[in-house]
């Protein structure tokens, strides 16, 4: 009998060890961060009220928005930054162990890529449906637009009259030879713009346009959109194709020289009588394996609500997707315009063809 009691006692102790000892800890999830694994923090994040955003948008304006959301809701926003391709690959690699609740990026083609790579899941609510018109949302609800940006013709006020401008195609005319500025074909914004031209006009006309612009370069493509604006101010060229929000950022700069640059520029929305001005989108989608979907939805609803949209337009100078948002200068002075109406997925569909055309046309 005594031997039997000793056996039972030892069995109980061993069982307890197997539950609480180091050899019996539950497996920890991990995600790659600078090549190292890290402990799973998802449960504590949920308790503390947080949401993790994998973002390819590296804008100070977004941090301002996230801070305002936290102040309003008490939900902490954790940003994980990288290129869109890196972040999509990371979410695929991490699978169910990911920390990602939301994926935030620019470009309709990239959003479609994330959808196609199966790293997102549908996100829908009556609030989102009311705040964001259908044209700015994925038809299957895998992402919703947060802001739009127009790629326009910017011109030197002292050397170009707005009535001289009309369409993107008109910039291939002889009169603009040696006067056109634009960044490299490797830039995503240019690739998406040409992809939209392929969708609207066909490959042959798109290539004619690319060759015509290359023939009228004021210099070989270099730098970013801000650099094109500064090149106009320096007299290197007279017109540039660039995104509107850069003009707004220059106008709001603390650098007096950048403010003077903005003041010397005019903004023209091309193709108002034809296909409309090329427009692209910044959008956000719910990660397929989000562990905080309720908080994620709250953040998306805030970003697309009147308050968030008004703050975004003020801070980033992008166009809001919510028509109830209030806009300030210079967006107000630019007025309304006719935009292209395209399925944003065409920007991914025709991207490779666009790159091939740029290369044949001699763009740097």
Protein backbone atom coordinates (compact mmCIF):
# COMPACT_ATOMS: atom_id res chain seq x y z
CA UNK A 1 0.00 0.00 0.00
CA UNK A 2 2.78 2.39 0.93
CA UNK A 3 4.50 1.68 -2.37
CA UNK A 4 1.32 2.40 -4.25
CA UNK A 5 0.92 5.80 -2.55
CA UNK A 6 4.52 6.73 -3.41
CA UNK A 7 3.88 5.81 -7.06
CA UNK A 8 0.73 7.98 -7.20
CA UNK A 9 2.56 10.93 -5.60
CA UNK A 10 5.43 10.74 -8.11
CA UNK A 11 2.96 10.51 -11.02
CA UNK A 12 1.14 13.68 -9.88
CA UNK A 13 4.40 15.63 -9.54
CA UNK A 14 5.58 14.56 -12.98
CA UNK A 15 2.26 15.56 -14.52
CA UNK A 16 2.49 18.99 -12.93
CA UNK A 17 6.02 19.42 -14.27
CA UNK A 18 4.87 18.58 -17.76
CA UNK A 19 2.25 21.36 -17.60
CA UNK A 20 4.23 24.18 -15.98
CA UNK A 21 7.85 23.40 -16.69
CA UNK A 22 9.93 24.97 -19.46
CA UNK A 23 9.69 21.82 -21.51
CA UNK A 24 5.89 22.18 -21.62
CA UNK A 25 5.48 25.85 -22.68
CA UNK A 26 3.00 26.38 -25.50
CA UNK A 27 4.66 27.12 -28.87
CA UNK A 28 5.36 30.80 -29.53
CA UNK A 29 4.37 32.44 -32.80
CA UNK A 30 7.07 34.44 -34.53
CA UNK A 31 7.53 37.02 -37.24
CA UNK A 32 10.68 38.04 -39.06
CA UNK A 33 12.14 41.33 -37.87
CA UNK A 34 15.64 42.17 -39.04
CA UNK A 35 16.19 38.46 -39.55
CA UNK A 36 15.30 37.44 -35.97
CA UNK A 37 12.30 35.74 -34.42
CA UNK A 38 10.38 37.52 -31.71
CA UNK A 39 7.87 36.33 -29.10
CA UNK A 40 4.19 36.30 -29.93
CA UNK A 41 2.64 39.54 -28.60
CA UNK A 42 -0.73 39.26 -30.29
CA UNK A 43 -2.74 38.36 -27.18
CA UNK A 44 -1.28 41.20 -25.12
CA UNK A 45 -1.83 43.58 -28.06
CA UNK A 46 -5.50 42.64 -28.14
CA UNK A 47 -5.86 43.21 -24.39
CA UNK A 48 -4.14 46.58 -24.61
CA UNK A 49 -6.30 47.67 -27.54
CA UNK A 50 -3.90 47.88 -30.48
CA UNK A 51 -3.90 47.41 -34.22
CA UNK A 52 -0.83 46.67 -36.36
CA UNK A 53 -0.56 48.26 -39.79
CA UNK A 54 1.90 46.93 -42.36
CA UNK A 55 2.37 50.10 -44.39
CA UNK A 56 4.17 50.99 -47.60
CA UNK A 57 3.14 54.63 -47.10
CA UNK A 58 6.01 56.39 -45.36
CA UNK A 59 4.24 59.69 -44.78
CA UNK A 60 4.30 61.85 -41.66
CA UNK A 61 0.65 62.60 -42.38
CA UNK A 62 -0.26 58.99 -41.61
CA UNK A 63 1.40 59.14 -38.20
CA UNK A 64 -0.64 62.27 -37.44
CA UNK A 65 -3.81 60.38 -38.38
CA UNK A 66 -2.88 57.35 -36.29
CA UNK A 67 -2.12 59.52 -33.27
CA UNK A 68 -5.48 61.27 -33.63
CA UNK A 69 -7.21 57.88 -33.81
CA UNK A 70 -5.41 56.69 -30.66
CA UNK A 71 -6.36 59.86 -28.80
CA UNK A 72 -9.99 59.37 -29.79
CA UNK A 73 -10.26 55.60 -29.12
CA UNK A 74 -7.37 54.61 -26.86
CA UNK A 75 -6.35 52.01 -29.45
CA UNK A 76 -2.62 52.02 -30.15
CA UNK A 77 -1.55 51.91 -33.80
CA UNK A 78 1.68 50.00 -34.46
CA UNK A 79 3.31 50.75 -37.81
CA UNK A 80 5.51 48.20 -39.58
CA UNK A 81 7.06 49.85 -42.64
CA UNK A 82 8.54 48.45 -45.83
CA UNK A 83 7.97 48.34 -49.55
CA UNK A 84 4.66 46.90 -50.67
CA UNK A 85 6.38 43.86 -52.19
CA UNK A 86 8.35 43.21 -49.00
CA UNK A 87 5.26 43.46 -46.82
CA UNK A 88 3.14 41.18 -49.00
CA UNK A 89 5.96 38.62 -49.03
CA UNK A 90 6.28 38.92 -45.27
CA UNK A 91 2.57 38.33 -44.69
CA UNK A 92 2.72 35.24 -46.92
CA UNK A 93 5.75 33.95 -45.05
CA UNK A 94 4.27 34.58 -41.61
CA UNK A 95 0.87 33.11 -42.42
CA UNK A 96 -1.33 32.70 -39.35
CA UNK A 97 1.54 33.88 -37.13
CA UNK A 98 1.58 37.36 -38.63
CA UNK A 99 1.19 40.50 -36.55
CA UNK A 100 -0.44 42.30 -39.49
CA UNK A 101 -4.01 43.50 -39.02
CA UNK A 102 -4.06 45.90 -41.97
CA UNK A 103 -2.10 46.43 -45.18
CA UNK A 104 -1.83 50.08 -46.28
CA UNK A 105 -0.28 51.11 -49.58
CA UNK A 106 -0.40 53.34 -52.63
CA UNK A 107 -1.39 52.25 -56.15
CA UNK A 108 -4.41 50.33 -57.33
CA UNK A 109 -2.23 47.73 -59.04
CA UNK A 110 -0.40 46.97 -55.80
CA UNK A 111 -3.69 46.59 -53.94
CA UNK A 112 -4.88 44.15 -56.58
CA UNK A 113 -1.57 42.29 -56.27
CA UNK A 114 -2.10 41.91 -52.50
CA UNK A 115 -5.61 40.65 -53.13
CA UNK A 116 -4.38 38.15 -55.72
CA UNK A 117 -1.60 36.94 -53.41
CA UNK A 118 -4.29 35.99 -50.89
CA UNK A 119 -2.93 38.03 -47.97
CA UNK A 120 -6.18 39.99 -47.52
CA UNK A 121 -9.74 39.15 -46.56
CA UNK A 122 -12.97 41.06 -47.28
CA UNK A 123 -13.78 43.97 -44.98
CA UNK A 124 -17.26 45.42 -45.11
CA UNK A 125 -19.52 47.52 -42.94
CA UNK A 126 -22.48 49.81 -43.53
CA UNK A 127 -20.32 52.68 -42.30
CA UNK A 128 -17.66 52.02 -44.95
CA UNK A 129 -20.30 51.63 -47.64
CA UNK A 130 -21.71 55.05 -46.69
CA UNK A 131 -18.35 56.79 -46.38
CA UNK A 132 -16.55 55.50 -49.47
CA UNK A 133 -18.22 55.56 -52.91
CA UNK A 134 -18.14 52.24 -54.75
CA UNK A 135 -15.72 53.57 -57.39
CA UNK A 136 -13.03 53.87 -54.69
CA UNK A 137 -13.49 50.34 -53.31
CA UNK A 138 -12.56 46.88 -54.47
CA UNK A 139 -15.70 45.26 -55.92
CA UNK A 140 -15.11 42.23 -53.70
CA UNK A 141 -14.36 44.38 -50.61
CA UNK A 142 -10.75 43.26 -50.22
CA UNK A 143 -9.61 46.88 -49.91
CA UNK A 144 -11.06 50.34 -49.62
CA UNK A 145 -9.63 53.60 -50.87
CA UNK A 146 -8.44 56.13 -48.32
CA UNK A 147 -7.16 58.87 -50.64
CA UNK A 148 -6.64 59.59 -54.32
CA UNK A 149 -3.89 61.44 -56.17
CA UNK A 150 -4.05 62.99 -59.63
CA UNK A 151 -1.08 62.92 -62.02
CA UNK A 152 -1.31 66.28 -63.74
CA UNK A 153 0.57 68.76 -65.88
CA UNK A 154 2.43 71.33 -63.78
CA UNK A 155 3.69 74.40 -65.64
CA UNK A 156 5.77 77.54 -65.23
CA UNK A 157 3.34 80.43 -64.76
CA UNK A 158 5.72 82.93 -66.33
CA UNK A 159 6.42 80.89 -69.48
CA UNK A 160 3.29 78.86 -70.17
CA UNK A 161 -0.33 79.94 -70.46
CA UNK A 162 -2.91 77.42 -69.26
CA UNK A 163 -4.80 77.76 -72.55
CA UNK A 164 -1.75 76.24 -74.27
CA UNK A 165 -2.41 72.99 -72.43
CA UNK A 166 -5.08 70.40 -73.12
CA UNK A 167 -4.14 66.70 -72.93
CA UNK A 168 -1.28 64.38 -72.06
CA UNK A 169 -1.10 63.62 -75.77
CA UNK A 170 -0.59 67.29 -76.66
CA UNK A 171 2.75 67.28 -74.82
CA UNK A 172 4.15 65.20 -77.69
CA UNK A 173 3.71 68.16 -80.06
CA UNK A 174 6.78 69.81 -81.58
CA UNK A 175 6.16 73.03 -79.60
CA UNK A 176 7.12 71.22 -76.38
CA UNK A 177 10.44 69.88 -77.65
CA UNK A 178 13.12 70.31 -74.96
CA UNK A 179 10.55 71.53 -72.44
CA UNK A 180 9.03 68.40 -70.78
CA UNK A 181 10.17 67.05 -67.40
CA UNK A 182 9.25 63.73 -65.81
CA UNK A 183 10.85 61.13 -63.56
CA UNK A 184 12.17 57.71 -64.61
CA UNK A 185 10.04 54.93 -66.09
CA UNK A 186 11.04 52.79 -63.09
CA UNK A 187 8.73 54.93 -60.96
CA UNK A 188 5.48 53.18 -60.04
CA UNK A 189 3.39 56.30 -60.70
CA UNK A 190 4.57 56.50 -64.32
CA UNK A 191 4.09 52.77 -64.85
CA UNK A 192 0.51 52.95 -63.61
CA UNK A 193 -0.22 56.03 -65.72
CA UNK A 194 1.01 54.33 -68.91
CA UNK A 195 -0.87 51.16 -67.93
CA UNK A 196 -4.05 53.26 -67.79
CA UNK A 197 -3.29 54.64 -71.28
CA UNK A 198 -2.91 51.06 -72.58
CA UNK A 199 -6.29 50.16 -71.08
CA UNK A 200 -7.96 53.25 -72.55
CA UNK A 201 -6.27 53.66 -75.92
CA UNK A 202 -4.44 50.43 -76.72
CA UNK A 203 -0.74 49.53 -76.81
CA UNK A 204 0.05 51.24 -80.12
CA UNK A 205 -1.19 54.67 -79.06
CA UNK A 206 0.39 54.27 -75.64
CA UNK A 207 3.76 53.62 -77.25
CA UNK A 208 3.33 56.59 -79.61
CA UNK A 209 2.75 58.77 -76.56
CA UNK A 210 5.78 57.41 -74.69
CA UNK A 211 8.03 58.00 -77.73
CA UNK A 212 6.64 61.48 -78.24
CA UNK A 213 7.30 62.47 -74.64
CA UNK A 214 10.83 61.04 -74.82
CA UNK A 215 11.48 63.18 -77.90
CA UNK A 216 10.48 66.29 -75.95
CA UNK A 217 12.50 65.70 -72.77
CA UNK A 218 14.14 68.81 -71.33
CA UNK A 219 16.66 66.41 -69.74
CA UNK A 220 16.96 62.70 -69.14
CA UNK A 221 14.45 61.62 -66.44
CA UNK A 222 15.90 61.93 -62.94
CA UNK A 223 14.85 62.56 -59.35
CA UNK A 224 11.37 62.54 -57.86
CA UNK A 225 8.31 64.69 -58.47
CA UNK A 226 9.63 67.47 -56.23
CA UNK A 227 12.77 67.58 -58.38
CA UNK A 228 10.66 68.12 -61.50
CA UNK A 229 8.96 71.08 -59.83
CA UNK A 230 12.30 72.58 -58.83
CA UNK A 231 13.63 72.04 -62.37
CA UNK A 232 10.74 74.14 -63.70
CA UNK A 233 11.58 76.88 -61.20
CA UNK A 234 15.24 76.71 -62.31
CA UNK A 235 14.27 77.08 -65.96
CA UNK A 236 15.44 73.60 -67.01
CA UNK A 237 12.00 72.80 -68.42
CA UNK A 238 8.60 74.45 -68.69
CA UNK A 239 6.12 71.64 -67.96
CA UNK A 240 6.21 68.47 -65.87
CA UNK A 241 3.96 65.49 -65.26
CA UNK A 242 3.68 64.95 -61.52
CA UNK A 243 1.30 64.23 -58.66
CA UNK A 244 -0.70 67.13 -57.26
CA UNK A 245 0.10 66.56 -53.60
CA UNK A 246 3.77 67.42 -54.13
CA UNK A 247 2.75 70.96 -55.10
CA UNK A 248 0.75 71.18 -51.88
CA UNK A 249 3.68 69.93 -49.83
CA UNK A 250 6.01 72.49 -51.41
CA UNK A 251 3.53 75.28 -50.72
CA UNK A 252 3.30 74.26 -47.04
CA UNK A 253 7.05 73.78 -46.60
CA UNK A 254 9.05 75.59 -43.93
CA UNK A 255 11.73 76.16 -46.56
CA UNK A 256 11.12 79.59 -48.18
CA UNK A 257 12.74 78.40 -51.41
CA UNK A 258 10.27 75.53 -51.73
CA UNK A 259 7.38 77.92 -51.08
CA UNK A 260 8.65 80.20 -53.87
CA UNK A 261 8.89 77.17 -56.15
CA UNK A 262 5.25 76.30 -55.46
CA UNK A 263 4.17 79.89 -56.08
CA UNK A 264 5.79 79.82 -59.53
CA UNK A 265 3.81 76.75 -60.62
CA UNK A 266 0.40 76.28 -62.15
CA UNK A 267 -1.60 73.04 -61.95
CA UNK A 268 -3.52 71.83 -65.00
CA UNK A 269 -5.85 68.82 -65.11
CA UNK A 270 -5.49 67.30 -68.60
CA UNK A 271 -7.94 65.38 -70.79
CA UNK A 272 -11.06 67.01 -69.38
CA UNK A 273 -12.81 66.71 -72.74
CA UNK A 274 -11.69 63.12 -73.34
CA UNK A 275 -10.73 60.30 -70.94
CA UNK A 276 -10.12 62.40 -67.84
CA UNK A 277 -7.05 63.02 -65.70
CA UNK A 278 -5.11 59.95 -64.60
CA UNK A 279 -5.81 59.19 -60.97
CA UNK A 280 -4.42 56.59 -58.60
CA UNK A 281 -5.43 55.49 -55.15
CA UNK A 282 -4.09 54.84 -51.69
CA UNK A 283 -5.96 52.00 -50.06
CA UNK A 284 -6.10 49.73 -47.06
CA UNK A 285 -7.14 46.10 -46.63
CA UNK A 286 -7.77 43.71 -43.74
CA UNK A 287 -4.96 41.17 -43.36
CA UNK A 288 -6.10 37.61 -43.98
CA UNK A 289 -4.95 36.46 -40.55
CA UNK A 290 -5.69 39.60 -38.55
CA UNK A 291 -6.00 38.93 -34.83
CA UNK A 292 -7.58 42.30 -34.08
CA UNK A 293 -10.24 42.66 -36.81
CA UNK A 294 -12.57 44.77 -34.65
CA UNK A 295 -9.87 47.34 -33.95
CA UNK A 296 -8.81 47.18 -37.60
CA UNK A 297 -12.34 48.03 -38.73
CA UNK A 298 -12.50 50.92 -36.26
CA UNK A 299 -9.28 52.36 -37.72
CA UNK A 300 -10.44 52.00 -41.33
CA UNK A 301 -13.77 53.61 -40.49
CA UNK A 302 -11.91 56.49 -38.83
CA UNK A 303 -9.52 56.95 -41.75
CA UNK A 304 -12.44 57.13 -44.18
CA UNK A 305 -14.76 59.15 -41.93
CA UNK A 306 -15.24 62.90 -42.21
CA UNK A 307 -12.83 63.73 -39.38
CA UNK A 308 -10.06 61.46 -40.62
CA UNK A 309 -10.51 62.47 -44.24
CA UNK A 310 -10.43 66.17 -43.42
CA UNK A 311 -7.22 65.69 -41.43
CA UNK A 312 -5.66 63.57 -44.18
CA UNK A 313 -6.37 66.17 -46.87
CA UNK A 314 -4.90 68.88 -44.65
CA UNK A 315 -1.76 66.93 -43.80
CA UNK A 316 -0.96 65.03 -47.02
CA UNK A 317 -2.65 67.19 -49.70
CA UNK A 318 -4.18 64.06 -51.23
CA UNK A 319 -7.80 64.10 -52.36
CA UNK A 320 -10.22 62.54 -49.85
CA UNK A 321 -12.50 59.69 -50.96
CA UNK A 322 -15.27 60.77 -48.58
CA UNK A 323 -17.26 63.58 -50.16
CA UNK A 324 -18.18 64.94 -46.72
CA UNK A 325 -14.56 65.84 -45.96
CA UNK A 326 -13.54 69.48 -45.76
CA UNK A 327 -10.58 70.56 -47.89
CA UNK A 328 -8.32 73.57 -47.56
CA UNK A 329 -5.90 75.30 -49.90
CA UNK A 330 -4.43 74.47 -52.32
CA UNK A 331 -6.89 71.62 -52.95
CA UNK A 332 -9.82 74.03 -52.85
CA UNK A 333 -8.24 76.35 -55.42
CA UNK A 334 -7.65 73.46 -57.83
CA UNK A 335 -11.38 72.80 -57.93
CA UNK A 336 -13.17 69.73 -59.23
CA UNK A 337 -12.08 67.80 -62.30
CA UNK A 338 -12.99 64.84 -64.47
CA UNK A 339 -10.97 61.76 -63.52
CA UNK A 340 -10.32 58.56 -65.45
CA UNK A 341 -12.86 55.85 -64.69
CA UNK A 342 -11.00 52.56 -64.71
CA UNK A 343 -10.86 49.36 -62.73
CA UNK A 344 -7.68 49.89 -60.72
CA UNK A 345 -6.66 46.30 -61.37
CA UNK A 346 -5.59 47.32 -64.92
CA UNK A 347 -2.57 49.02 -63.38
CA UNK A 348 -1.24 45.62 -62.43
CA UNK A 349 -2.57 43.89 -65.52
CA UNK A 350 -0.68 46.15 -67.94
CA UNK A 351 2.35 47.06 -65.81
CA UNK A 352 4.81 44.74 -67.56
CA UNK A 353 3.66 45.97 -70.97
CA UNK A 354 4.06 49.55 -69.78
CA UNK A 355 7.66 48.89 -68.68
CA UNK A 356 8.46 47.24 -72.02
CA UNK A 357 7.03 50.24 -73.89
CA UNK A 358 9.04 52.71 -71.80
CA UNK A 359 12.23 50.81 -72.56
CA UNK A 360 11.51 50.70 -76.30
CA UNK A 361 10.71 54.39 -76.25
CA UNK A 362 14.09 55.27 -74.78
CA UNK A 363 13.07 56.45 -71.33
CA UNK A 364 15.82 56.33 -68.71
